[in-house]
Structure formats: C-alpha cells, structure tokens
Amino acid sequence: MSPLAFNLLDRLLDPLAACLPPEAVDKILHFQPDESIERRLNELREGANEGTLTETERAEYAEFIEAMDFIALFKAKAAARSTSHGD
C-alpha cells in the first residue's frame, strides 16, 4: 500500500472506529484469519522468500499483504478507541 493510500485509509477509518461499540472493538482486536487463509498465506510467503512464485501467485500475495495492512490499521484504530474510552 502506498503511503498516500495508507494516509487516505487512515483518515477514512477514523469516523468508523469512533462509532464502534465495545463488543465490535473486542471482536476486531481478537480477529485472526481462519486456518485455510493462514496456510495459503504461509505458502505464498515461503514462495516469495524462495523466489518461486508465479506472476499470479505474486499478485495474490500482494493482495494478502494489502488486506493484512488494512486489518492491522483497523485493529490499531479499534485499540486506540478502546484505550481512549476505557472499553
């Protein structure tokens, strides 16, 4: 994700995070991808480290990375909300 896209996403998520009820914050903070996603991500990570990914797999891996960046940012927003409101 480019710094410009990250900054825009950061600003867009602020009002969403501000309206999260405590239960949603808790679910976001404890979110983990399911086992099949974890397995696939690990396969792609290994292939990337070994330099053996196909073009399609590189694109898939890039999509995973962007999704994980989004989730990490949303978790940070939820954590900040939880901390600031004592939830």
PDB file of N, CA and C in Angstrom:
ATOM      1  N   MET A   1       0.859  -1.170   0.000  1.00  0.00           N
ATOM      2  CA  MET A   1       0.000   0.000   0.000  1.00  0.00           C
ATOM      3  C   MET A   1       0.907   1.235   0.000  1.00  0.00           C
ATOM      4  N   SER A   2       0.629   2.138  -0.876  1.00  0.00           N
ATOM      5  CA  SER A   2       1.438   3.348  -0.965  1.00  0.00           C
ATOM      6  C   SER A   2       1.195   4.228   0.263  1.00  0.00           C
ATOM      7  N   PRO A   3       2.152   5.080   0.608  1.00  0.00           N
ATOM      8  CA  PRO A   3       1.935   5.993   1.740  1.00  0.00           C
ATOM      9  C   PRO A   3       0.707   6.876   1.551  1.00  0.00           C
ATOM     10  N   LEU A   4       0.453   7.308   0.324  1.00  0.00           N
ATOM     11  CA  LEU A   4      -0.722   8.134   0.060  1.00  0.00           C
ATOM     12  C   LEU A   4      -2.009   7.355   0.329  1.00  0.00           C
ATOM     13  N   ALA A   5      -2.072   6.123  -0.154  1.00  0.00           N
ATOM     14  CA  ALA A   5      -3.249   5.284   0.081  1.00  0.00           C
ATOM     15  C   ALA A   5      -3.404   4.984   1.561  1.00  0.00           C
ATOM     16  N   PHE A   6      -2.298   4.721   2.246  1.00  0.00           N
ATOM     17  CA  PHE A   6      -2.349   4.437   3.675  1.00  0.00           C
ATOM     18  C   PHE A   6      -2.898   5.643   4.435  1.00  0.00           C
ATOM     19  N   ASN A   7      -2.418   6.840   4.098  1.00  0.00           N
ATOM     20  CA  ASN A   7      -2.883   8.057   4.751  1.00  0.00           C
ATOM     21  C   ASN A   7      -4.378   8.267   4.520  1.00  0.00           C
ATOM     22  N   LEU A   8      -4.824   8.061   3.298  1.00  0.00           N
ATOM     23  CA  LEU A   8      -6.244   8.208   2.988  1.00  0.00           C
ATOM     24  C   LEU A   8      -7.074   7.192   3.767  1.00  0.00           C
ATOM     25  N   LEU A   9      -6.640   5.951   3.773  1.00  0.00           N
ATOM     26  CA  LEU A   9      -7.362   4.909   4.500  1.00  0.00           C
ATOM     27  C   LEU A   9      -7.383   5.221   5.993  1.00  0.00           C
ATOM     28  N   ASP A  10      -6.269   5.687   6.513  1.00  0.00           N
ATOM     29  CA  ASP A  10      -6.185   6.064   7.917  1.00  0.00           C
ATOM     30  C   ASP A  10      -7.246   7.105   8.255  1.00  0.00           C
ATOM     31  N   ARG A  11      -7.370   8.118   7.418  1.00  0.00           N
ATOM     32  CA  ARG A  11      -8.358   9.174   7.649  1.00  0.00           C
ATOM     33  C   ARG A  11      -9.788   8.672   7.468  1.00  0.00           C
ATOM     34  N   LEU A  12     -10.004   7.776   6.527  1.00  0.00           N
ATOM     35  CA  LEU A  12     -11.349   7.242   6.301  1.00  0.00           C
ATOM     36  C   LEU A  12     -11.821   6.351   7.450  1.00  0.00           C
ATOM     37  N   LEU A  13     -10.891   5.664   8.086  1.00  0.00           N
ATOM     38  CA  LEU A  13     -11.264   4.747   9.159  1.00  0.00           C
ATOM     39  C   LEU A  13     -11.539   5.440  10.484  1.00  0.00           C
ATOM     40  N   ASP A  14     -11.028   6.646  10.670  1.00  0.00           N
ATOM     41  CA  ASP A  14     -11.255   7.355  11.935  1.00  0.00           C
ATOM     42  C   ASP A  14     -12.731   7.452  12.320  1.00  0.00           C
ATOM     43  N   PRO A  15     -13.599   7.957  11.446  1.00  0.00           N
ATOM     44  CA  PRO A  15     -15.009   8.059  11.859  1.00  0.00           C
ATOM     45  C   PRO A  15     -15.681   6.700  12.047  1.00  0.00           C
ATOM     46  N   LEU A  16     -15.227   5.697  11.310  1.00  0.00           N
ATOM     47  CA  LEU A  16     -15.795   4.355  11.508  1.00  0.00           C
ATOM     48  C   LEU A  16     -15.408   3.794  12.865  1.00  0.00           C
ATOM     49  N   ALA A  17     -14.157   3.935  13.220  1.00  0.00           N
ATOM     50  CA  ALA A  17     -13.694   3.429  14.511  1.00  0.00           C
ATOM     51  C   ALA A  17     -14.364   4.160  15.669  1.00  0.00           C
ATOM     52  N   ALA A  18     -14.640   5.428  15.472  1.00  0.00           N
ATOM     53  CA  ALA A  18     -15.243   6.232  16.532  1.00  0.00           C
ATOM     54  C   ALA A  18     -16.642   5.756  16.907  1.00  0.00           C
ATOM     55  N   CYS A  19     -17.320   5.094  16.009  1.00  0.00           N
ATOM     56  CA  CYS A  19     -18.698   4.679  16.306  1.00  0.00           C
ATOM     57  C   CYS A  19     -18.813   3.198  16.654  1.00  0.00           C
ATOM     58  N   LEU A  20     -17.688   2.527  16.863  1.00  0.00           N
ATOM     59  CA  LEU A  20     -17.729   1.100  17.180  1.00  0.00           C
ATOM     60  C   LEU A  20     -18.160   0.865  18.626  1.00  0.00           C
ATOM     61  N   PRO A  21     -19.127  -0.020  18.827  1.00  0.00           N
ATOM     62  CA  PRO A  21     -19.474  -0.388  20.202  1.00  0.00           C
ATOM     63  C   PRO A  21     -18.372  -1.276  20.795  1.00  0.00           C
ATOM     64  N   PRO A  22     -18.286  -1.357  22.114  1.00  0.00           N
ATOM     65  CA  PRO A  22     -17.228  -2.143  22.756  1.00  0.00           C
ATOM     66  C   PRO A  22     -17.144  -3.593  22.264  1.00  0.00           C
ATOM     67  N   GLU A  23     -18.276  -4.217  21.980  1.00  0.00           N
ATOM     68  CA  GLU A  23     -18.263  -5.607  21.518  1.00  0.00           C
ATOM     69  C   GLU A  23     -17.571  -5.733  20.166  1.00  0.00           C
ATOM     70  N   ALA A  24     -17.812  -4.762  19.292  1.00  0.00           N
ATOM     71  CA  ALA A  24     -17.174  -4.779  17.974  1.00  0.00           C
ATOM     72  C   ALA A  24     -15.677  -4.540  18.103  1.00  0.00           C
ATOM     73  N   VAL A  25     -15.295  -3.626  18.982  1.00  0.00           N
ATOM     74  CA  VAL A  25     -13.878  -3.366  19.212  1.00  0.00           C
ATOM     75  C   VAL A  25     -13.187  -4.651  19.650  1.00  0.00           C
ATOM     76  N   ASP A  26     -13.793  -5.355  20.589  1.00  0.00           N
ATOM     77  CA  ASP A  26     -13.218  -6.601  21.095  1.00  0.00           C
ATOM     78  C   ASP A  26     -13.061  -7.631  19.980  1.00  0.00           C
ATOM     79  N   LYS A  27     -14.078  -7.778  19.136  1.00  0.00           N
ATOM     80  CA  LYS A  27     -14.005  -8.734  18.029  1.00  0.00           C
ATOM     81  C   LYS A  27     -12.925  -8.358  17.024  1.00  0.00           C
ATOM     82  N   ILE A  28     -12.795  -7.071  16.747  1.00  0.00           N
ATOM     83  CA  ILE A  28     -11.758  -6.613  15.809  1.00  0.00           C
ATOM     84  C   ILE A  28     -10.376  -6.884  16.385  1.00  0.00           C
ATOM     85  N   LEU A  29     -10.193  -6.568  17.661  1.00  0.00           N
ATOM     86  CA  LEU A  29      -8.885  -6.755  18.287  1.00  0.00           C
ATOM     87  C   LEU A  29      -8.473  -8.224  18.358  1.00  0.00           C
ATOM     88  N   HIS A  30      -9.440  -9.127  18.405  1.00  0.00           N
ATOM     89  CA  HIS A  30      -9.132 -10.557  18.506  1.00  0.00           C
ATOM     90  C   HIS A  30      -9.275 -11.307  17.181  1.00  0.00           C
ATOM     91  N   PHE A  31      -9.519 -10.574  16.109  1.00  0.00           N
ATOM     92  CA  PHE A  31      -9.682 -11.205  14.798  1.00  0.00           C
ATOM     93  C   PHE A  31      -8.404 -11.924  14.375  1.00  0.00           C
ATOM     94  N   GLN A  32      -8.569 -13.136  13.871  1.00  0.00           N
ATOM     95  CA  GLN A  32      -7.488 -13.919  13.269  1.00  0.00           C
ATOM     96  C   GLN A  32      -8.049 -14.579  12.017  1.00  0.00           C
ATOM     97  N   PRO A  33      -7.276 -14.590  10.933  1.00  0.00           N
ATOM     98  CA  PRO A  33      -7.738 -15.291   9.733  1.00  0.00           C
ATOM     99  C   PRO A  33      -7.931 -16.784  10.026  1.00  0.00           C
ATOM    100  N   ASP A  34      -8.831 -17.417   9.287  1.00  0.00           N
ATOM    101  CA  ASP A  34      -9.047 -18.844   9.512  1.00  0.00           C
ATOM    102  C   ASP A  34      -7.836 -19.650   9.029  1.00  0.00           C
ATOM    103  N   GLU A  35      -7.823 -20.925   9.388  1.00  0.00           N
ATOM    104  CA  GLU A  35      -6.664 -21.781   9.113  1.00  0.00           C
ATOM    105  C   GLU A  35      -6.336 -21.900   7.634  1.00  0.00           C
ATOM    106  N   SER A  36      -7.344 -21.972   6.780  1.00  0.00           N
ATOM    107  CA  SER A  36      -7.068 -22.114   5.346  1.00  0.00           C
ATOM    108  C   SER A  36      -6.390 -20.862   4.794  1.00  0.00           C
ATOM    109  N   ILE A  37      -6.785 -19.704   5.272  1.00  0.00           N
ATOM    110  CA  ILE A  37      -6.145 -18.466   4.841  1.00  0.00           C
ATOM    111  C   ILE A  37      -4.717 -18.410   5.368  1.00  0.00           C
ATOM    112  N   GLU A  38      -4.532 -18.774   6.631  1.00  0.00           N
ATOM    113  CA  GLU A  38      -3.184 -18.796   7.212  1.00  0.00           C
ATOM    114  C   GLU A  38      -2.262 -19.733   6.429  1.00  0.00           C
ATOM    115  N   ARG A  39      -2.773 -20.918   6.082  1.00  0.00           N
ATOM    116  CA  ARG A  39      -1.970 -21.881   5.310  1.00  0.00           C
ATOM    117  C   ARG A  39      -1.556 -21.297   3.971  1.00  0.00           C
ATOM    118  N   ARG A  40      -2.530 -20.707   3.274  1.00  0.00           N
ATOM    119  CA  ARG A  40      -2.226 -20.152   1.949  1.00  0.00           C
ATOM    120  C   ARG A  40      -1.238 -18.996   2.061  1.00  0.00           C
ATOM    121  N   LEU A  41      -1.423 -18.141   3.036  1.00  0.00           N
ATOM    122  CA  LEU A  41      -0.510 -17.027   3.235  1.00  0.00           C
ATOM    123  C   LEU A  41       0.904 -17.538   3.524  1.00  0.00           C
ATOM    124  N   ASN A  42       1.019 -18.568   4.328  1.00  0.00           N
ATOM    125  CA  ASN A  42       2.332 -19.151   4.619  1.00  0.00           C
ATOM    126  C   ASN A  42       2.972 -19.750   3.373  1.00  0.00           C
ATOM    127  N   GLU A  43       2.171 -20.418   2.543  1.00  0.00           N
ATOM    128  CA  GLU A  43       2.691 -20.973   1.288  1.00  0.00           C
ATOM    129  C   GLU A  43       3.239 -19.852   0.398  1.00  0.00           C
ATOM    130  N   LEU A  44       2.462 -18.799   0.282  1.00  0.00           N
ATOM    131  CA  LEU A  44       2.885 -17.679  -0.555  1.00  0.00           C
ATOM    132  C   LEU A  44       4.116 -16.986   0.027  1.00  0.00           C
ATOM    133  N   ARG A  45       4.150 -16.846   1.330  1.00  0.00           N
ATOM    134  CA  ARG A  45       5.299 -16.216   1.989  1.00  0.00           C
ATOM    135  C   ARG A  45       6.566 -17.030   1.724  1.00  0.00           C
ATOM    136  N   GLU A  46       6.462 -18.348   1.867  1.00  0.00           N
ATOM    137  CA  GLU A  46       7.617 -19.210   1.604  1.00  0.00           C
ATOM    138  C   GLU A  46       8.063 -19.102   0.149  1.00  0.00           C
ATOM    139  N   GLY A  47       7.099 -19.123  -0.758  1.00  0.00           N
ATOM    140  CA  GLY A  47       7.425 -18.988  -2.175  1.00  0.00           C
ATOM    141  C   GLY A  47       8.075 -17.654  -2.483  1.00  0.00           C
ATOM    142  N   ALA A  48       7.597 -16.598  -1.837  1.00  0.00           N
ATOM    143  CA  ALA A  48       8.186 -15.272  -2.046  1.00  0.00           C
ATOM    144  C   ALA A  48       9.623 -15.247  -1.529  1.00  0.00           C
ATOM    145  N   ASN A  49       9.843 -15.837  -0.364  1.00  0.00           N
ATOM    146  CA  ASN A  49      11.190 -15.870   0.201  1.00  0.00           C
ATOM    147  C   ASN A  49      12.150 -16.701  -0.648  1.00  0.00           C
ATOM    148  N   GLU A  50      11.626 -17.734  -1.299  1.00  0.00           N
ATOM    149  CA  GLU A  50      12.453 -18.605  -2.138  1.00  0.00           C
ATOM    150  C   GLU A  50      12.540 -18.108  -3.579  1.00  0.00           C
ATOM    151  N   GLY A  51      11.721 -17.126  -3.922  1.00  0.00           N
ATOM    152  CA  GLY A  51      11.722 -16.593  -5.281  1.00  0.00           C
ATOM    153  C   GLY A  51      11.076 -17.512  -6.296  1.00  0.00           C
ATOM    154  N   THR A  52      10.097 -18.307  -5.864  1.00  0.00           N
ATOM    155  CA  THR A  52       9.488 -19.306  -6.749  1.00  0.00           C
ATOM    156  C   THR A  52       8.028 -19.006  -7.105  1.00  0.00           C
ATOM    157  N   LEU A  53       7.526 -17.833  -6.746  1.00  0.00           N
ATOM    158  CA  LEU A  53       6.120 -17.521  -7.042  1.00  0.00           C
ATOM    159  C   LEU A  53       5.921 -17.237  -8.526  1.00  0.00           C
ATOM    160  N   THR A  54       4.787 -17.693  -9.027  1.00  0.00           N
ATOM    161  CA  THR A  54       4.390 -17.325 -10.385  1.00  0.00           C
ATOM    162  C   THR A  54       3.857 -15.892 -10.344  1.00  0.00           C
ATOM    163  N   GLU A  55       3.623 -15.317 -11.499  1.00  0.00           N
ATOM    164  CA  GLU A  55       3.062 -13.961 -11.566  1.00  0.00           C
ATOM    165  C   GLU A  55       1.706 -13.905 -10.858  1.00  0.00           C
ATOM    166  N   THR A  56       0.887 -14.917 -11.069  1.00  0.00           N
ATOM    167  CA  THR A  56      -0.428 -14.975 -10.418  1.00  0.00           C
ATOM    168  C   THR A  56      -0.284 -15.066  -8.909  1.00  0.00           C
ATOM    169  N   GLU A  57       0.652 -15.871  -8.441  1.00  0.00           N
ATOM    170  CA  GLU A  57       0.875 -16.010  -7.005  1.00  0.00           C
ATOM    171  C   GLU A  57       1.431 -14.722  -6.400  1.00  0.00           C
ATOM    172  N   ARG A  58       2.289 -14.021  -7.139  1.00  0.00           N
ATOM    173  CA  ARG A  58       2.802 -12.736  -6.649  1.00  0.00           C
ATOM    174  C   ARG A  58       1.661 -11.735  -6.480  1.00  0.00           C
ATOM    175  N   ALA A  59       0.747 -11.730  -7.435  1.00  0.00           N
ATOM    176  CA  ALA A  59      -0.415 -10.831  -7.347  1.00  0.00           C
ATOM    177  C   ALA A  59      -1.297 -11.219  -6.153  1.00  0.00           C
ATOM    178  N   GLU A  60      -1.497 -12.511  -5.972  1.00  0.00           N
ATOM    179  CA  GLU A  60      -2.293 -12.997  -4.837  1.00  0.00           C
ATOM    180  C   GLU A  60      -1.632 -12.605  -3.518  1.00  0.00           C
ATOM    181  N   TYR A  61      -0.321 -12.780  -3.434  1.00  0.00           N
ATOM    182  CA  TYR A  61       0.421 -12.433  -2.225  1.00  0.00           C
ATOM    183  C   TYR A  61       0.322 -10.931  -1.943  1.00  0.00           C
ATOM    184  N   ALA A  62       0.428 -10.119  -2.986  1.00  0.00           N
ATOM    185  CA  ALA A  62       0.304  -8.667  -2.825  1.00  0.00           C
ATOM    186  C   ALA A  62      -1.081  -8.301  -2.281  1.00  0.00           C
ATOM    187  N   GLU A  63      -2.107  -8.989  -2.762  1.00  0.00           N
ATOM    188  CA  GLU A  63      -3.464  -8.743  -2.262  1.00  0.00           C
ATOM    189  C   GLU A  63      -3.575  -9.114  -0.787  1.00  0.00           C
ATOM    190  N   PHE A  64      -2.975 -10.231  -0.404  1.00  0.00           N
ATOM    191  CA  PHE A  64      -2.968 -10.632   1.000  1.00  0.00           C
ATOM    192  C   PHE A  64      -2.288  -9.559   1.852  1.00  0.00           C
ATOM    193  N   ILE A  65      -1.150  -9.062   1.388  1.00  0.00           N
ATOM    194  CA  ILE A  65      -0.407  -8.060   2.141  1.00  0.00           C
ATOM    195  C   ILE A  65      -1.251  -6.800   2.320  1.00  0.00           C
ATOM    196  N   GLU A  66      -1.905  -6.359   1.261  1.00  0.00           N
ATOM    197  CA  GLU A  66      -2.763  -5.169   1.374  1.00  0.00           C
ATOM    198  C   GLU A  66      -3.911  -5.402   2.348  1.00  0.00           C
ATOM    199  N   ALA A  67      -4.515  -6.579   2.275  1.00  0.00           N
ATOM    200  CA  ALA A  67      -5.613  -6.895   3.194  1.00  0.00           C
ATOM    201  C   ALA A  67      -5.124  -6.916   4.642  1.00  0.00           C
ATOM    202  N   MET A  68      -3.957  -7.500   4.862  1.00  0.00           N
ATOM    203  CA  MET A  68      -3.415  -7.563   6.214  1.00  0.00           C
ATOM    204  C   MET A  68      -3.029  -6.175   6.718  1.00  0.00           C
ATOM    205  N   ASP A  69      -2.538  -5.312   5.826  1.00  0.00           N
ATOM    206  CA  ASP A  69      -2.247  -3.925   6.207  1.00  0.00           C
ATOM    207  C   ASP A  69      -3.523  -3.215   6.639  1.00  0.00           C
ATOM    208  N   PHE A  70      -4.605  -3.427   5.875  1.00  0.00           N
ATOM    209  CA  PHE A  70      -5.892  -2.825   6.223  1.00  0.00           C
ATOM    210  C   PHE A  70      -6.352  -3.305   7.597  1.00  0.00           C
ATOM    211  N   ILE A  71      -6.272  -4.615   7.816  1.00  0.00           N
ATOM    212  CA  ILE A  71      -6.710  -5.182   9.092  1.00  0.00           C
ATOM    213  C   ILE A  71      -5.870  -4.638  10.243  1.00  0.00           C
ATOM    214  N   ALA A  72      -4.558  -4.547  10.033  1.00  0.00           N
ATOM    215  CA  ALA A  72      -3.674  -4.017  11.077  1.00  0.00           C
ATOM    216  C   ALA A  72      -4.031  -2.569  11.407  1.00  0.00           C
ATOM    217  N   LEU A  73      -4.310  -1.776  10.391  1.00  0.00           N
ATOM    218  CA  LEU A  73      -4.687  -0.382  10.618  1.00  0.00           C
ATOM    219  C   LEU A  73      -6.021  -0.297  11.355  1.00  0.00           C
ATOM    220  N   PHE A  74      -6.980  -1.123  10.952  1.00  0.00           N
ATOM    221  CA  PHE A  74      -8.283  -1.108  11.606  1.00  0.00           C
ATOM    222  C   PHE A  74      -8.163  -1.580  13.059  1.00  0.00           C
ATOM    223  N   LYS A  75      -7.313  -2.573  13.309  1.00  0.00           N
ATOM    224  CA  LYS A  75      -7.081  -3.022  14.681  1.00  0.00           C
ATOM    225  C   LYS A  75      -6.459  -1.901  15.512  1.00  0.00           C
ATOM    226  N   ALA A  76      -5.534  -1.160  14.930  1.00  0.00           N
ATOM    227  CA  ALA A  76      -4.911  -0.045  15.648  1.00  0.00           C
ATOM    228  C   ALA A  76      -5.950   1.016  15.993  1.00  0.00           C
ATOM    229  N   LYS A  77      -6.842   1.288  15.055  1.00  0.00           N
ATOM    230  CA  LYS A  77      -7.910   2.259  15.313  1.00  0.00           C
ATOM    231  C   LYS A  77      -8.828   1.761  16.431  1.00  0.00           C
ATOM    232  N   ALA A  78      -9.170   0.481  16.385  1.00  0.00           N
ATOM    233  CA  ALA A  78     -10.035  -0.094  17.421  1.00  0.00           C
ATOM    234  C   ALA A  78      -9.331  -0.073  18.777  1.00  0.00           C
ATOM    235  N   ALA A  79      -8.046  -0.376  18.790  1.00  0.00           N
ATOM    236  CA  ALA A  79      -7.293  -0.352  20.051  1.00  0.00           C
ATOM    237  C   ALA A  79      -7.238   1.057  20.623  1.00  0.00           C
ATOM    238  N   ALA A  80      -7.024   2.035  19.764  1.00  0.00           N
ATOM    239  CA  ALA A  80      -6.988   3.430  20.220  1.00  0.00           C
ATOM    240  C   ALA A  80      -8.341   3.839  20.794  1.00  0.00           C
ATOM    241  N   ARG A  81      -9.411   3.397  20.157  1.00  0.00           N
ATOM    242  CA  ARG A  81     -10.745   3.717  20.643  1.00  0.00           C
ATOM    243  C   ARG A  81     -10.964   3.065  22.008  1.00  0.00           C
ATOM    244  N   SER A  82     -10.551   1.819  22.126  1.00  0.00           N
ATOM    245  CA  SER A  82     -10.702   1.081  23.370  1.00  0.00           C
ATOM    246  C   SER A  82      -9.922   1.758  24.498  1.00  0.00           C
ATOM    247  N   THR A  83      -8.701   2.179  24.211  1.00  0.00           N
ATOM    248  CA  THR A  83      -7.856   2.833  25.201  1.00  0.00           C
ATOM    249  C   THR A  83      -8.406   4.199  25.598  1.00  0.00           C
ATOM    250  N   SER A  84      -8.858   4.950  24.610  1.00  0.00           N
ATOM    251  CA  SER A  84      -9.326   6.310  24.914  1.00  0.00           C
ATOM    252  C   SER A  84     -10.667   6.344  25.629  1.00  0.00           C
ATOM    253  N   HIS A  85     -11.443   5.270  25.479  1.00  0.00           N
ATOM    254  CA  HIS A  85     -12.765   5.245  26.118  1.00  0.00           C
ATOM    255  C   HIS A  85     -12.849   4.254  27.263  1.00  0.00           C
ATOM    256  N   GLY A  86     -11.743   3.599  27.566  1.00  0.00           N
ATOM    257  CA  GLY A  86     -11.733   2.670  28.682  1.00  0.00           C
ATOM    258  C   GLY A  86     -12.605   1.469  28.496  1.00  0.00           C
ATOM    259  N   ASP A  87     -12.873   1.095  27.221  1.00  0.00           N
ATOM    260  CA  ASP A  87     -13.741  -0.065  26.941  1.00  0.00           C
ATOM    261  C   ASP A  87     -13.029  -1.351  27.260  1.00  0.00           C
TER     262      ASP A  87
END
